[in-house]
Protein backbone atom coordinates (compact mmCIF):
# COMPACT_ATOMS: atom_id res chain seq x y z
CA MET A 1 -96.37 -181.33 35.60
CA LYS A 2 -99.10 -178.92 37.15
CA PRO A 3 -101.66 -176.04 35.07
CA ILE A 4 -99.20 -173.79 33.50
CA ASP A 5 -98.98 -170.21 35.68
CA GLN A 6 -98.52 -167.43 33.43
CA HIS A 7 -96.27 -165.37 35.74
CA ALA A 8 -94.28 -168.06 37.01
CA VAL A 9 -93.21 -169.56 33.14
CA GLN A 10 -92.58 -166.20 31.92
CA LYS A 11 -90.09 -165.42 34.66
CA TRP A 12 -88.45 -168.80 33.92
CA LEU A 13 -87.92 -167.49 30.21
CA ASP A 14 -86.97 -163.81 30.87
CA ASP A 15 -84.20 -166.11 32.88
CA PHE A 16 -82.98 -168.08 29.52
CA ILE A 17 -82.59 -164.06 27.63
CA GLY A 18 -79.78 -163.87 26.28
CA LYS A 19 -77.87 -167.43 26.98
CA ASP A 20 -77.07 -170.24 24.97
CA VAL A 21 -79.73 -172.14 25.85
CA TYR A 22 -80.97 -176.14 24.69
CA VAL A 23 -84.31 -176.60 23.54
CA HIS A 24 -86.41 -179.71 22.62
CA ALA A 25 -89.86 -179.13 21.05
CA GLU A 26 -92.08 -181.97 19.40
CA THR A 27 -95.88 -182.11 18.02
CA THR A 28 -97.50 -185.14 17.38
CA ASN A 29 -100.78 -186.70 16.67
CA GLY A 30 -99.05 -189.79 16.42
CA ALA A 31 -97.11 -192.36 18.94
CA TYR A 32 -98.58 -190.35 21.74
CA ALA A 33 -101.97 -189.47 21.35
CA SER A 34 -103.02 -191.45 17.87
CA SER A 35 -106.32 -190.42 16.62
CA HIS A 36 -107.67 -194.04 15.67
CA GLY A 37 -110.72 -193.86 13.73
CA ARG A 38 -110.66 -190.36 12.13
CA ASP A 39 -109.46 -189.86 8.65
CA GLY A 40 -106.31 -188.31 8.14
CA VAL A 41 -102.41 -188.43 7.84
CA ASN A 42 -100.41 -188.72 11.29
CA VAL A 43 -98.13 -185.51 11.39
CA GLY A 44 -95.76 -185.02 14.02
CA VAL A 45 -92.20 -182.54 14.38
CA TYR A 46 -89.25 -183.18 16.99
CA ILE A 47 -85.79 -181.47 17.87
CA ARG A 48 -83.24 -181.91 20.35
CA ASN A 49 -81.00 -180.03 21.85
CA ILE A 50 -80.85 -177.26 19.12
CA GLN A 51 -78.97 -175.06 20.76
CA VAL A 52 -80.44 -171.27 20.73
CA SER A 53 -79.79 -167.60 21.94
CA PHE A 54 -82.82 -166.03 22.32
CA SER A 55 -83.69 -162.01 22.76
CA HIS A 56 -87.02 -162.11 23.43
CA ALA A 57 -89.62 -164.68 25.32
CA LYS A 58 -93.40 -164.62 25.83
CA ILE A 59 -96.03 -166.40 27.14
CA THR A 60 -99.84 -165.26 26.27
CA THR A 61 -103.09 -167.15 26.18
CA ASP A 62 -106.62 -166.31 24.59
CA ASN A 63 -108.56 -168.52 26.63
CA ASN A 64 -106.48 -169.41 29.91
CA GLU A 65 -106.89 -173.26 28.77
CA SER A 66 -103.44 -173.27 26.73
CA TYR A 67 -100.80 -171.14 25.95
CA ARG A 68 -98.34 -170.28 23.38
CA VAL A 69 -94.47 -169.49 24.09
CA GLY A 70 -92.88 -167.33 21.25
CA LEU A 71 -88.90 -167.05 21.41
CA LYS A 72 -87.23 -164.66 19.09
CA THR A 73 -83.48 -165.55 17.94
CA ALA A 74 -81.40 -163.34 15.89
CA LEU A 75 -82.58 -164.98 12.59
CA GLY A 76 -86.13 -165.68 13.36
CA TRP A 77 -88.74 -167.24 15.64
CA LEU A 78 -89.39 -170.88 17.57
CA TYR A 79 -93.25 -170.94 18.39
CA THR A 80 -94.89 -173.14 20.32
CA GLU A 81 -98.90 -173.36 20.69
CA GLY A 82 -101.31 -175.74 22.77
CA LEU A 83 -99.26 -175.48 25.90
CA THR A 84 -101.43 -176.61 29.10
CA ASP A 85 -98.90 -178.04 31.78
CA TRP A 86 -95.53 -176.98 33.17
CA THR A 87 -92.88 -178.26 35.77
CA ILE A 88 -89.34 -177.38 36.66
CA HIS A 89 -87.00 -180.39 36.01
CA ASN A 90 -83.93 -180.40 38.02
CA GLU A 91 -83.96 -177.07 39.17
CA ASP A 92 -82.87 -175.57 35.83
CA LYS A 93 -85.36 -177.27 33.25
CA LEU A 94 -88.27 -175.64 31.63
CA LEU A 95 -90.49 -178.07 30.72
CA LEU A 96 -93.92 -176.97 29.14
CA ALA A 97 -96.25 -179.83 27.66
CA GLY A 98 -99.87 -179.60 25.83
CA HIS A 99 -102.03 -182.53 26.88
CA ASP A 100 -105.16 -183.33 25.52
CA SER A 101 -108.48 -184.15 27.28
CA GLU A 102 -107.08 -187.94 28.19
CA GLY A 103 -103.52 -186.88 29.16
CA ARG A 104 -101.91 -187.50 25.99
CA VAL A 105 -98.55 -185.40 24.85
CA ARG A 106 -99.82 -182.96 21.79
CA VAL A 107 -96.87 -180.71 22.11
CA ALA A 108 -93.50 -179.88 24.25
CA LEU A 109 -91.27 -177.73 24.33
CA GLN A 110 -88.02 -177.49 27.01
CA ILE A 111 -85.50 -175.56 27.94
CA SER A 112 -82.06 -175.65 29.64
CA GLU A 113 -78.55 -174.09 29.80
CA GLN A 114 -77.15 -178.68 29.47
CA PRO A 115 -77.95 -180.65 26.84
CA PHE A 116 -81.11 -182.57 27.70
CA THR A 117 -80.24 -186.84 27.74
CA TYR A 118 -82.07 -189.47 26.43
CA GLU A 119 -83.32 -191.11 29.49
């Protein structure tokens, strides 16, 4: 993965508008990014192969250190914040992730016209 290029990612997001796509989204401070020695409860969300269609997509940033993506669906929004890196997998899957300073995944958003496999 490489640091997010906001314009390139926006182009990919725009290419998915109006299509039935599959989404993988997760956030965690647990399994991938354990908070050893800190008080608190581990939290996380994991969804995979949820099929959606969105009419609007936007990537924004306040500080050029992390980004957020919003996808507007017919019934609401899917919103992911804290993204830092991106890549294209197999020429058709947009993969976005947010890593902490030690390289651990904190958040992920992936979009594809084909279901994601469990490799």
